[in-house]
Amino acid sequence: MDTSCTCHKTKKRSQDEYKALINRLSRIEGQVRGLKNMVENDAYCTDILIQVSAVTAALNAFNRELLSNHLRTCVTQDLQNGKSETVDELVCTLQKLMK
């Protein structure tokens, strides 16, 4: 199995999928700006750590949504078209996500 996992494919997303992903990323971006403000304003360490945990949870939720969409569209279509190498790509991606 190739473990390089270098991929330069693109995907045309539906308008709904695009909006959902962009909205999630915009919220995460706002949370990260909030973290920066907390540091700049000398917020207490544990308060910052709790907010970092919230950002991590939001990124994990983004990953779950994107992975779910990927399985339902890209992976399913590739397997239906006989492109079994997509399974190796998915395994490699999951290994990276689980580090």
C-alpha atoms as a PDB file:
ATOM      1  CA  MET A   1       0.000   0.000   0.000  1.00  0.00           C
ATOM      2  CA  ASP A   2       1.280   3.485  -0.889  1.00  0.00           C
ATOM      3  CA  THR A   3       1.645   5.492   2.319  1.00  0.00           C
ATOM      4  CA  SER A   4       2.554   8.836   0.757  1.00  0.00           C
ATOM      5  CA  CYS A   5      -1.129   9.875   0.507  1.00  0.00           C
ATOM      6  CA  THR A   6      -0.331  12.843  -1.681  1.00  0.00           C
ATOM      7  CA  CYS A   7      -3.527  13.829  -3.385  1.00  0.00           C
ATOM      8  CA  HIS A   8      -4.340  16.825  -5.560  1.00  0.00           C
ATOM      9  CA  LYS A   9      -7.888  16.025  -6.559  1.00  0.00           C
ATOM     10  CA  THR A  10     -10.700  18.540  -6.466  1.00  0.00           C
ATOM     11  CA  LYS A  11     -14.395  18.185  -5.756  1.00  0.00           C
ATOM     12  CA  LYS A  12     -17.341  20.262  -6.887  1.00  0.00           C
ATOM     13  CA  ARG A  13     -19.584  20.554  -3.814  1.00  0.00           C
ATOM     14  CA  SER A  14     -23.301  21.174  -3.789  1.00  0.00           C
ATOM     15  CA  GLN A  15     -24.344  24.652  -2.687  1.00  0.00           C
ATOM     16  CA  ASP A  16     -25.773  23.230   0.561  1.00  0.00           C
ATOM     17  CA  GLU A  17     -22.591  21.322   1.396  1.00  0.00           C
ATOM     18  CA  TYR A  18     -20.447  24.348   0.535  1.00  0.00           C
ATOM     19  CA  LYS A  19     -22.536  26.672   2.732  1.00  0.00           C
ATOM     20  CA  ALA A  20     -22.542  24.258   5.672  1.00  0.00           C
ATOM     21  CA  LEU A  21     -18.762  23.813   5.576  1.00  0.00           C
ATOM     22  CA  ILE A  22     -18.043  27.527   5.124  1.00  0.00           C
ATOM     23  CA  ASN A  23     -20.416  28.418   7.981  1.00  0.00           C
ATOM     24  CA  ARG A  24     -18.666  25.965  10.302  1.00  0.00           C
ATOM     25  CA  LEU A  25     -15.250  27.318   9.322  1.00  0.00           C
ATOM     26  CA  SER A  26     -16.402  30.901   9.844  1.00  0.00           C
ATOM     27  CA  ARG A  27     -17.576  30.055  13.367  1.00  0.00           C
ATOM     28  CA  ILE A  28     -14.263  28.327  14.090  1.00  0.00           C
ATOM     29  CA  GLU A  29     -12.389  31.331  12.728  1.00  0.00           C
ATOM     30  CA  GLY A  30     -14.340  33.537  15.141  1.00  0.00           C
ATOM     31  CA  GLN A  31     -13.508  31.222  18.029  1.00  0.00           C
ATOM     32  CA  VAL A  32      -9.799  31.392  17.173  1.00  0.00           C
ATOM     33  CA  ARG A  33      -9.952  35.195  17.031  1.00  0.00           C
ATOM     34  CA  GLY A  34     -11.600  35.062  20.455  1.00  0.00           C
ATOM     35  CA  LEU A  35      -8.692  32.990  21.744  1.00  0.00           C
ATOM     36  CA  LYS A  36      -6.243  35.542  20.418  1.00  0.00           C
ATOM     37  CA  ASN A  37      -8.168  38.311  22.178  1.00  0.00           C
ATOM     38  CA  MET A  38      -8.124  36.330  25.405  1.00  0.00           C
ATOM     39  CA  VAL A  39      -4.341  36.023  25.243  1.00  0.00           C
ATOM     40  CA  GLU A  40      -3.950  39.693  24.304  1.00  0.00           C
ATOM     41  CA  ASN A  41      -6.175  40.675  27.243  1.00  0.00           C
ATOM     42  CA  ASP A  42      -4.320  38.478  29.743  1.00  0.00           C
ATOM     43  CA  ALA A  43      -7.200  36.075  30.352  1.00  0.00           C
ATOM     44  CA  TYR A  44      -6.660  33.387  32.947  1.00  0.00           C
ATOM     45  CA  CYS A  45      -4.955  30.230  31.645  1.00  0.00           C
ATOM     46  CA  THR A  46      -7.770  27.806  32.430  1.00  0.00           C
ATOM     47  CA  ASP A  47     -10.317  30.046  30.714  1.00  0.00           C
ATOM     48  CA  ILE A  48      -8.178  29.986  27.571  1.00  0.00           C
ATOM     49  CA  LEU A  49      -7.710  26.217  27.815  1.00  0.00           C
ATOM     50  CA  ILE A  50     -11.468  25.702  27.990  1.00  0.00           C
ATOM     51  CA  GLN A  51     -11.931  27.808  24.860  1.00  0.00           C
ATOM     52  CA  VAL A  52      -9.158  25.877  23.084  1.00  0.00           C
ATOM     53  CA  SER A  53     -11.074  22.713  23.914  1.00  0.00           C
ATOM     54  CA  ALA A  54     -14.196  24.231  22.329  1.00  0.00           C
ATOM     55  CA  VAL A  55     -12.232  25.054  19.154  1.00  0.00           C
ATOM     56  CA  THR A  56     -10.850  21.521  19.061  1.00  0.00           C
ATOM     57  CA  ALA A  57     -14.371  20.112  19.395  1.00  0.00           C
ATOM     58  CA  ALA A  58     -15.580  22.398  16.586  1.00  0.00           C
ATOM     59  CA  LEU A  59     -12.735  21.264  14.306  1.00  0.00           C
ATOM     60  CA  ASN A  60     -13.520  17.631  15.109  1.00  0.00           C
ATOM     61  CA  ALA A  61     -17.178  18.237  14.215  1.00  0.00           C
ATOM     62  CA  PHE A  62     -16.057  19.835  10.934  1.00  0.00           C
ATOM     63  CA  ASN A  63     -13.890  16.772  10.196  1.00  0.00           C
ATOM     64  CA  ARG A  64     -16.777  14.405  10.930  1.00  0.00           C
ATOM     65  CA  GLU A  65     -19.100  16.301   8.601  1.00  0.00           C
ATOM     66  CA  LEU A  66     -16.515  16.479   5.823  1.00  0.00           C
ATOM     67  CA  LEU A  67     -15.613  12.800   6.208  1.00  0.00           C
ATOM     68  CA  SER A  68     -19.273  11.812   6.134  1.00  0.00           C
ATOM     69  CA  ASN A  69     -19.802  13.812   2.936  1.00  0.00           C
ATOM     70  CA  HIS A  70     -16.653  12.283   1.457  1.00  0.00           C
ATOM     71  CA  LEU A  71     -17.825   8.736   2.174  1.00  0.00           C
ATOM     72  CA  ARG A  72     -21.284   9.372   0.765  1.00  0.00           C
ATOM     73  CA  THR A  73     -20.046  11.029  -2.421  1.00  0.00           C
ATOM     74  CA  CYS A  74     -16.417  10.624  -3.494  1.00  0.00           C
ATOM     75  CA  VAL A  75     -15.717   7.203  -2.019  1.00  0.00           C
ATOM     76  CA  THR A  76     -19.085   5.731  -3.045  1.00  0.00           C
ATOM     77  CA  GLN A  77     -18.752   7.040  -6.611  1.00  0.00           C
ATOM     78  CA  ASP A  78     -15.176   5.823  -6.966  1.00  0.00           C
ATOM     79  CA  LEU A  79     -16.067   2.344  -5.711  1.00  0.00           C
ATOM     80  CA  GLN A  80     -19.044   2.179  -8.075  1.00  0.00           C
ATOM     81  CA  ASN A  81     -16.637   3.109 -10.886  1.00  0.00           C
ATOM     82  CA  GLY A  82     -14.204   0.331  -9.900  1.00  0.00           C
ATOM     83  CA  LYS A  83     -11.560   2.634  -8.388  1.00  0.00           C
ATOM     84  CA  SER A  84     -10.591   0.428  -5.442  1.00  0.00           C
ATOM     85  CA  GLU A  85      -7.462   2.514  -4.746  1.00  0.00           C
ATOM     86  CA  THR A  86      -9.828   4.981  -3.076  1.00  0.00           C
ATOM     87  CA  VAL A  87     -10.029   2.564  -0.131  1.00  0.00           C
ATOM     88  CA  ASP A  88      -6.244   2.817   0.352  1.00  0.00           C
ATOM     89  CA  GLU A  89      -6.503   6.612   0.166  1.00  0.00           C
ATOM     90  CA  LEU A  90      -9.276   6.582   2.773  1.00  0.00           C
ATOM     91  CA  VAL A  91      -7.303   4.300   5.094  1.00  0.00           C
ATOM     92  CA  CYS A  92      -4.296   6.608   4.837  1.00  0.00           C
ATOM     93  CA  THR A  93      -6.459   9.645   5.557  1.00  0.00           C
ATOM     94  CA  LEU A  94      -8.025   7.975   8.600  1.00  0.00           C
ATOM     95  CA  GLN A  95      -4.564   7.056   9.904  1.00  0.00           C
ATOM     96  CA  LYS A  96      -3.532  10.708   9.683  1.00  0.00           C
ATOM     97  CA  LEU A  97      -6.736  11.831  11.417  1.00  0.00           C
ATOM     98  CA  MET A  98      -6.182   9.402  14.280  1.00  0.00           C
ATOM     99  CA  LYS A  99      -2.644  10.521  15.183  1.00  0.00           C
END
